[in-house]
Amino acid sequence: MEAAVAAIDAVACGGKPGSKNGHPVLLLPIQPWYTEACRFRDCRHGREPGCAVQAALADGSLERARFDSYRKLQRELAHLARKDDARLQAAEKNKWKKITMAMRHAKPKR
């Protein structure tokens, strides 16, 4: 599994699997180290109180670029899931329809 994760991370960073700028590197997902320490089981690692990932970002033990890459990969996986599932497509469409309607009915700021 580590090899697959390293390949995904390296390719996501624009390099060859197992290397970054010509130097060997093994990048592992952020999940095992930080998410188990989060306060809530369904933590999205955003603004939730007690998020271990946000604490790691704040103290510098987790690089911001690594976290941003993780979030990007999560968005891509969600997009692929929606692409194949009509129910998820309908839910996404309804979400954006509600946002659009709320924006139309919002009073303009002066």
N, C-alpha and C. Protein backbone atom coordinates (compact mmCIF):
# COMPACT_ATOMS: atom_id res chain seq x y z
N MET A 1 0.83 -1.20 0.00
CA MET A 1 0.00 0.00 0.00
C MET A 1 0.87 1.26 0.00
N GLU A 2 1.98 1.22 0.71
CA GLU A 2 2.84 2.41 0.78
C GLU A 2 3.33 2.81 -0.59
N ALA A 3 3.62 1.83 -1.44
CA ALA A 3 4.11 2.15 -2.78
C ALA A 3 3.03 2.84 -3.60
N ALA A 4 1.78 2.37 -3.46
CA ALA A 4 0.68 3.00 -4.19
C ALA A 4 0.46 4.43 -3.72
N VAL A 5 0.51 4.64 -2.42
CA VAL A 5 0.33 5.97 -1.86
C VAL A 5 1.46 6.89 -2.31
N ALA A 6 2.69 6.38 -2.31
CA ALA A 6 3.83 7.17 -2.75
C ALA A 6 3.68 7.55 -4.21
N ALA A 7 3.21 6.62 -5.02
CA ALA A 7 3.01 6.91 -6.45
C ALA A 7 1.96 7.97 -6.64
N ILE A 8 0.85 7.88 -5.93
CA ILE A 8 -0.21 8.87 -6.04
C ILE A 8 0.30 10.23 -5.60
N ASP A 9 0.98 10.30 -4.47
CA ASP A 9 1.48 11.57 -3.97
C ASP A 9 2.51 12.18 -4.91
N ALA A 10 3.43 11.37 -5.39
CA ALA A 10 4.48 11.89 -6.26
C ALA A 10 3.89 12.41 -7.57
N VAL A 11 2.95 11.67 -8.14
CA VAL A 11 2.33 12.11 -9.38
C VAL A 11 1.51 13.36 -9.13
N ALA A 12 0.83 13.45 -7.99
CA ALA A 12 0.06 14.64 -7.65
C ALA A 12 0.98 15.85 -7.52
N CYS A 13 2.21 15.63 -7.11
CA CYS A 13 3.18 16.73 -6.98
C CYS A 13 3.88 17.02 -8.31
N GLY A 14 3.54 16.27 -9.36
CA GLY A 14 4.12 16.53 -10.67
C GLY A 14 5.41 15.78 -10.95
N GLY A 15 5.73 14.80 -10.15
CA GLY A 15 6.98 14.06 -10.35
C GLY A 15 6.73 12.62 -10.68
N LYS A 16 7.79 11.86 -10.72
CA LYS A 16 7.68 10.42 -10.94
C LYS A 16 7.40 9.74 -9.62
N PRO A 17 6.76 8.58 -9.64
CA PRO A 17 6.54 7.86 -8.39
C PRO A 17 7.86 7.59 -7.68
N GLY A 18 7.92 7.92 -6.43
CA GLY A 18 9.10 7.67 -5.63
C GLY A 18 10.17 8.72 -5.73
N SER A 19 9.92 9.82 -6.43
CA SER A 19 10.93 10.86 -6.51
C SER A 19 10.28 12.23 -6.54
N LYS A 20 11.01 13.20 -6.06
CA LYS A 20 10.55 14.58 -6.12
C LYS A 20 11.78 15.43 -6.39
N ASN A 21 11.80 16.07 -7.55
CA ASN A 21 12.95 16.86 -7.97
C ASN A 21 14.23 16.03 -8.00
N GLY A 22 14.10 14.76 -8.41
CA GLY A 22 15.26 13.90 -8.51
C GLY A 22 15.68 13.24 -7.22
N HIS A 23 15.03 13.53 -6.12
CA HIS A 23 15.37 12.95 -4.83
C HIS A 23 14.32 11.92 -4.43
N PRO A 24 14.71 10.76 -3.94
CA PRO A 24 13.72 9.77 -3.52
C PRO A 24 12.93 10.29 -2.32
N VAL A 25 11.64 9.98 -2.34
CA VAL A 25 10.78 10.44 -1.25
C VAL A 25 9.63 9.45 -1.09
N LEU A 26 9.18 9.27 0.13
CA LEU A 26 8.02 8.43 0.41
C LEU A 26 7.01 9.30 1.12
N LEU A 27 5.94 9.62 0.44
CA LEU A 27 4.89 10.46 1.01
C LEU A 27 3.72 9.58 1.42
N LEU A 28 3.30 9.70 2.64
CA LEU A 28 2.18 8.91 3.13
C LEU A 28 0.99 9.82 3.37
N PRO A 29 -0.22 9.28 3.35
CA PRO A 29 -1.39 10.11 3.55
C PRO A 29 -1.40 10.71 4.96
N ILE A 30 -2.16 11.80 5.12
CA ILE A 30 -2.22 12.44 6.44
C ILE A 30 -3.12 11.67 7.39
N GLN A 31 -3.95 10.82 6.87
CA GLN A 31 -4.96 10.14 7.67
C GLN A 31 -4.45 9.42 8.92
N PRO A 32 -3.54 8.46 8.81
CA PRO A 32 -3.22 7.65 9.99
C PRO A 32 -2.67 8.43 11.18
N TRP A 33 -1.87 9.46 10.92
CA TRP A 33 -1.22 10.13 12.04
C TRP A 33 -2.10 11.14 12.74
N TYR A 34 -2.94 11.82 11.99
CA TYR A 34 -3.65 12.96 12.58
C TYR A 34 -5.14 12.72 12.80
N THR A 35 -5.79 12.02 11.89
CA THR A 35 -7.24 11.95 11.98
C THR A 35 -7.73 11.15 13.17
N GLU A 36 -6.96 10.19 13.62
CA GLU A 36 -7.38 9.43 14.79
C GLU A 36 -7.37 10.28 16.05
N ALA A 37 -6.60 11.34 16.04
CA ALA A 37 -6.52 12.23 17.20
C ALA A 37 -7.56 13.35 17.15
N CYS A 38 -8.31 13.44 16.06
CA CYS A 38 -9.33 14.49 15.96
C CYS A 38 -10.44 14.25 16.98
N ARG A 39 -11.03 15.33 17.41
CA ARG A 39 -12.07 15.27 18.44
C ARG A 39 -13.32 14.54 17.94
N PHE A 40 -13.68 14.76 16.68
CA PHE A 40 -14.89 14.14 16.13
C PHE A 40 -14.50 13.10 15.08
N ARG A 41 -15.26 12.01 15.02
CA ARG A 41 -14.96 10.93 14.08
C ARG A 41 -15.15 11.37 12.63
N ASP A 42 -16.12 12.25 12.39
CA ASP A 42 -16.39 12.69 11.03
C ASP A 42 -15.77 14.06 10.73
N CYS A 43 -14.65 14.34 11.35
CA CYS A 43 -13.97 15.62 11.18
C CYS A 43 -13.58 15.81 9.72
N ARG A 44 -13.85 17.00 9.18
CA ARG A 44 -13.50 17.31 7.79
C ARG A 44 -12.20 18.09 7.72
N HIS A 45 -11.58 18.33 8.85
CA HIS A 45 -10.28 19.01 8.97
C HIS A 45 -10.34 20.44 8.46
N GLY A 46 -11.46 21.08 8.72
CA GLY A 46 -11.62 22.47 8.32
C GLY A 46 -11.58 23.38 9.54
N ARG A 47 -12.74 23.72 10.05
CA ARG A 47 -12.83 24.64 11.18
C ARG A 47 -13.37 23.98 12.45
N GLU A 48 -13.43 22.69 12.47
CA GLU A 48 -13.97 21.99 13.63
C GLU A 48 -13.05 22.18 14.84
N PRO A 49 -13.65 22.37 16.02
CA PRO A 49 -12.81 22.48 17.22
C PRO A 49 -12.19 21.13 17.55
N GLY A 50 -10.96 21.14 17.98
CA GLY A 50 -10.28 19.91 18.37
C GLY A 50 -9.74 19.11 17.21
N CYS A 51 -9.57 19.73 16.05
CA CYS A 51 -9.05 19.03 14.87
C CYS A 51 -7.54 18.90 14.99
N ALA A 52 -7.06 17.67 14.99
CA ALA A 52 -5.62 17.42 15.11
C ALA A 52 -4.87 17.84 13.85
N VAL A 53 -5.52 17.77 12.70
CA VAL A 53 -4.87 18.18 11.45
C VAL A 53 -4.62 19.69 11.48
N GLN A 54 -5.62 20.46 11.90
CA GLN A 54 -5.44 21.91 11.97
C GLN A 54 -4.37 22.27 13.01
N ALA A 55 -4.32 21.53 14.11
CA ALA A 55 -3.28 21.77 15.11
C ALA A 55 -1.90 21.47 14.53
N ALA A 56 -1.80 20.40 13.75
CA ALA A 56 -0.52 20.05 13.13
C ALA A 56 -0.09 21.10 12.11
N LEU A 57 -1.06 21.66 11.39
CA LEU A 57 -0.75 22.74 10.46
C LEU A 57 -0.25 23.97 11.21
N ALA A 58 -0.88 24.25 12.34
CA ALA A 58 -0.51 25.44 13.12
C ALA A 58 0.88 25.31 13.72
N ASP A 59 1.23 24.11 14.21
CA ASP A 59 2.56 23.96 14.83
C ASP A 59 3.65 23.59 13.84
N GLY A 60 3.28 23.40 12.57
CA GLY A 60 4.28 23.16 11.53
C GLY A 60 4.68 21.72 11.33
N SER A 61 4.07 20.78 12.04
CA SER A 61 4.44 19.38 11.86
C SER A 61 3.80 18.77 10.60
N LEU A 62 2.83 19.46 10.03
CA LEU A 62 2.23 19.06 8.75
C LEU A 62 2.36 20.24 7.80
N GLU A 63 2.94 19.98 6.62
CA GLU A 63 3.16 21.04 5.65
C GLU A 63 1.84 21.46 5.01
N ARG A 64 1.67 22.75 4.79
CA ARG A 64 0.46 23.29 4.17
C ARG A 64 0.29 22.73 2.76
N ALA A 65 1.36 22.61 2.00
CA ALA A 65 1.28 22.09 0.63
C ALA A 65 0.77 20.65 0.63
N ARG A 66 1.20 19.87 1.59
CA ARG A 66 0.75 18.48 1.69
C ARG A 66 -0.74 18.41 1.99
N PHE A 67 -1.19 19.27 2.90
CA PHE A 67 -2.60 19.30 3.25
C PHE A 67 -3.44 19.78 2.06
N ASP A 68 -2.96 20.79 1.35
CA ASP A 68 -3.69 21.28 0.18
C ASP A 68 -3.79 20.20 -0.89
N SER A 69 -2.72 19.44 -1.06
CA SER A 69 -2.73 18.34 -2.02
C SER A 69 -3.75 17.28 -1.60
N TYR A 70 -3.80 16.99 -0.30
CA TYR A 70 -4.77 16.03 0.23
C TYR A 70 -6.20 16.50 -0.06
N ARG A 71 -6.48 17.79 0.19
CA ARG A 71 -7.82 18.33 -0.04
C ARG A 71 -8.18 18.27 -1.52
N LYS A 72 -7.21 18.55 -2.38
CA LYS A 72 -7.45 18.50 -3.82
C LYS A 72 -7.79 17.07 -4.25
N LEU A 73 -7.05 16.10 -3.75
CA LEU A 73 -7.33 14.70 -4.08
C LEU A 73 -8.71 14.28 -3.58
N GLN A 74 -9.11 14.77 -2.41
CA GLN A 74 -10.44 14.45 -1.89
C GLN A 74 -11.53 15.03 -2.78
N ARG A 75 -11.33 16.27 -3.26
CA ARG A 75 -12.30 16.88 -4.18
C ARG A 75 -12.39 16.08 -5.48
N GLU A 76 -11.25 15.63 -5.99
CA GLU A 76 -11.24 14.85 -7.22
C GLU A 76 -11.96 13.52 -7.04
N LEU A 77 -11.76 12.87 -5.90
CA LEU A 77 -12.45 11.61 -5.63
C LEU A 77 -13.96 11.82 -5.52
N ALA A 78 -14.37 12.92 -4.88
CA ALA A 78 -15.80 13.22 -4.78
C ALA A 78 -16.40 13.48 -6.16
N HIS A 79 -15.65 14.18 -7.01
CA HIS A 79 -16.12 14.44 -8.37
C HIS A 79 -16.30 13.13 -9.14
N LEU A 80 -15.35 12.23 -9.02
CA LEU A 80 -15.47 10.94 -9.71
C LEU A 80 -16.65 10.14 -9.19
N ALA A 81 -16.90 10.21 -7.88
CA ALA A 81 -18.05 9.50 -7.31
C ALA A 81 -19.36 10.08 -7.85
N ARG A 82 -19.44 11.41 -7.94
CA ARG A 82 -20.65 12.06 -8.47
C ARG A 82 -20.85 11.73 -9.94
N LYS A 83 -19.77 11.58 -10.66
CA LYS A 83 -19.84 11.31 -12.09
C LYS A 83 -20.55 9.99 -12.38
N ASP A 84 -20.39 9.02 -11.49
CA ASP A 84 -20.95 7.69 -11.71
C ASP A 84 -22.26 7.44 -10.96
N ASP A 85 -22.66 8.33 -10.08
CA ASP A 85 -23.83 8.08 -9.24
C ASP A 85 -24.88 9.17 -9.47
N ALA A 86 -26.02 8.78 -10.04
CA ALA A 86 -27.09 9.74 -10.35
C ALA A 86 -27.63 10.42 -9.09
N ARG A 87 -27.68 9.68 -7.99
CA ARG A 87 -28.19 10.25 -6.74
C ARG A 87 -27.26 11.37 -6.24
N LEU A 88 -25.96 11.14 -6.33
CA LEU A 88 -25.01 12.18 -5.92
C LEU A 88 -25.04 13.37 -6.87
N GLN A 89 -25.26 13.12 -8.16
CA GLN A 89 -25.37 14.21 -9.13
C GLN A 89 -26.58 15.09 -8.79
N ALA A 90 -27.71 14.45 -8.47
CA ALA A 90 -28.92 15.20 -8.13
C ALA A 90 -28.71 16.01 -6.85
N ALA A 91 -28.03 15.43 -5.87
CA ALA A 91 -27.78 16.15 -4.62
C ALA A 91 -26.89 17.37 -4.85
N GLU A 92 -25.88 17.23 -5.69
CA GLU A 92 -24.99 18.36 -6.01
C GLU A 92 -25.75 19.44 -6.77
N LYS A 93 -26.58 19.03 -7.70
CA LYS A 93 -27.38 20.00 -8.46
C LYS A 93 -28.32 20.76 -7.55
N ASN A 94 -28.97 20.06 -6.63
CA ASN A 94 -29.87 20.73 -5.68
C ASN A 94 -29.12 21.68 -4.76
N LYS A 95 -27.93 21.30 -4.34
CA LYS A 95 -27.12 22.17 -3.49
C LYS A 95 -26.84 23.49 -4.19
N TRP A 96 -26.40 23.42 -5.43
CA TRP A 96 -26.06 24.63 -6.17
C TRP A 96 -27.29 25.43 -6.57
N LYS A 97 -28.41 24.74 -6.76
CA LYS A 97 -29.65 25.45 -7.06
C LYS A 97 -30.06 26.30 -5.86
N LYS A 98 -29.94 25.74 -4.65
CA LYS A 98 -30.27 26.48 -3.43
C LYS A 98 -29.34 27.68 -3.25
N ILE A 99 -28.06 27.48 -3.52
CA ILE A 99 -27.09 28.58 -3.39
C ILE A 99 -27.43 29.69 -4.38
N THR A 100 -27.74 29.32 -5.61
CA THR A 100 -28.07 30.31 -6.64
C THR A 100 -29.32 31.08 -6.27
N MET A 101 -30.34 30.38 -5.80
CA MET A 101 -31.59 31.05 -5.42
C MET A 101 -31.36 31.99 -4.23
N ALA A 102 -30.55 31.58 -3.28
CA ALA A 102 -30.25 32.43 -2.13
C ALA A 102 -29.51 33.69 -2.57
N MET A 103 -28.61 33.55 -3.53
CA MET A 103 -27.87 34.71 -4.03
C MET A 103 -28.80 35.66 -4.79
N ARG A 104 -29.74 35.13 -5.53
CA ARG A 104 -30.69 35.97 -6.28
C ARG A 104 -31.58 36.78 -5.35
N HIS A 105 -31.97 36.17 -4.24
CA HIS A 105 -32.91 36.82 -3.32
C HIS A 105 -32.21 37.65 -2.25
N ALA A 106 -30.90 37.59 -2.20
CA ALA A 106 -30.16 38.36 -1.19
C ALA A 106 -30.21 39.83 -1.58
N LYS A 107 -30.32 40.67 -0.59
CA LYS A 107 -30.33 42.11 -0.84
C LYS A 107 -28.92 42.57 -1.19
N PRO A 108 -28.79 43.40 -2.21
CA PRO A 108 -27.45 43.89 -2.55
C PRO A 108 -26.91 44.83 -1.47
N LYS A 109 -25.62 44.76 -1.25
CA LYS A 109 -24.98 45.66 -0.26
C LYS A 109 -24.75 47.01 -0.89
N ARG A 110 -24.97 48.05 -0.13
CA ARG A 110 -24.75 49.42 -0.64
C ARG A 110 -23.67 50.09 0.12
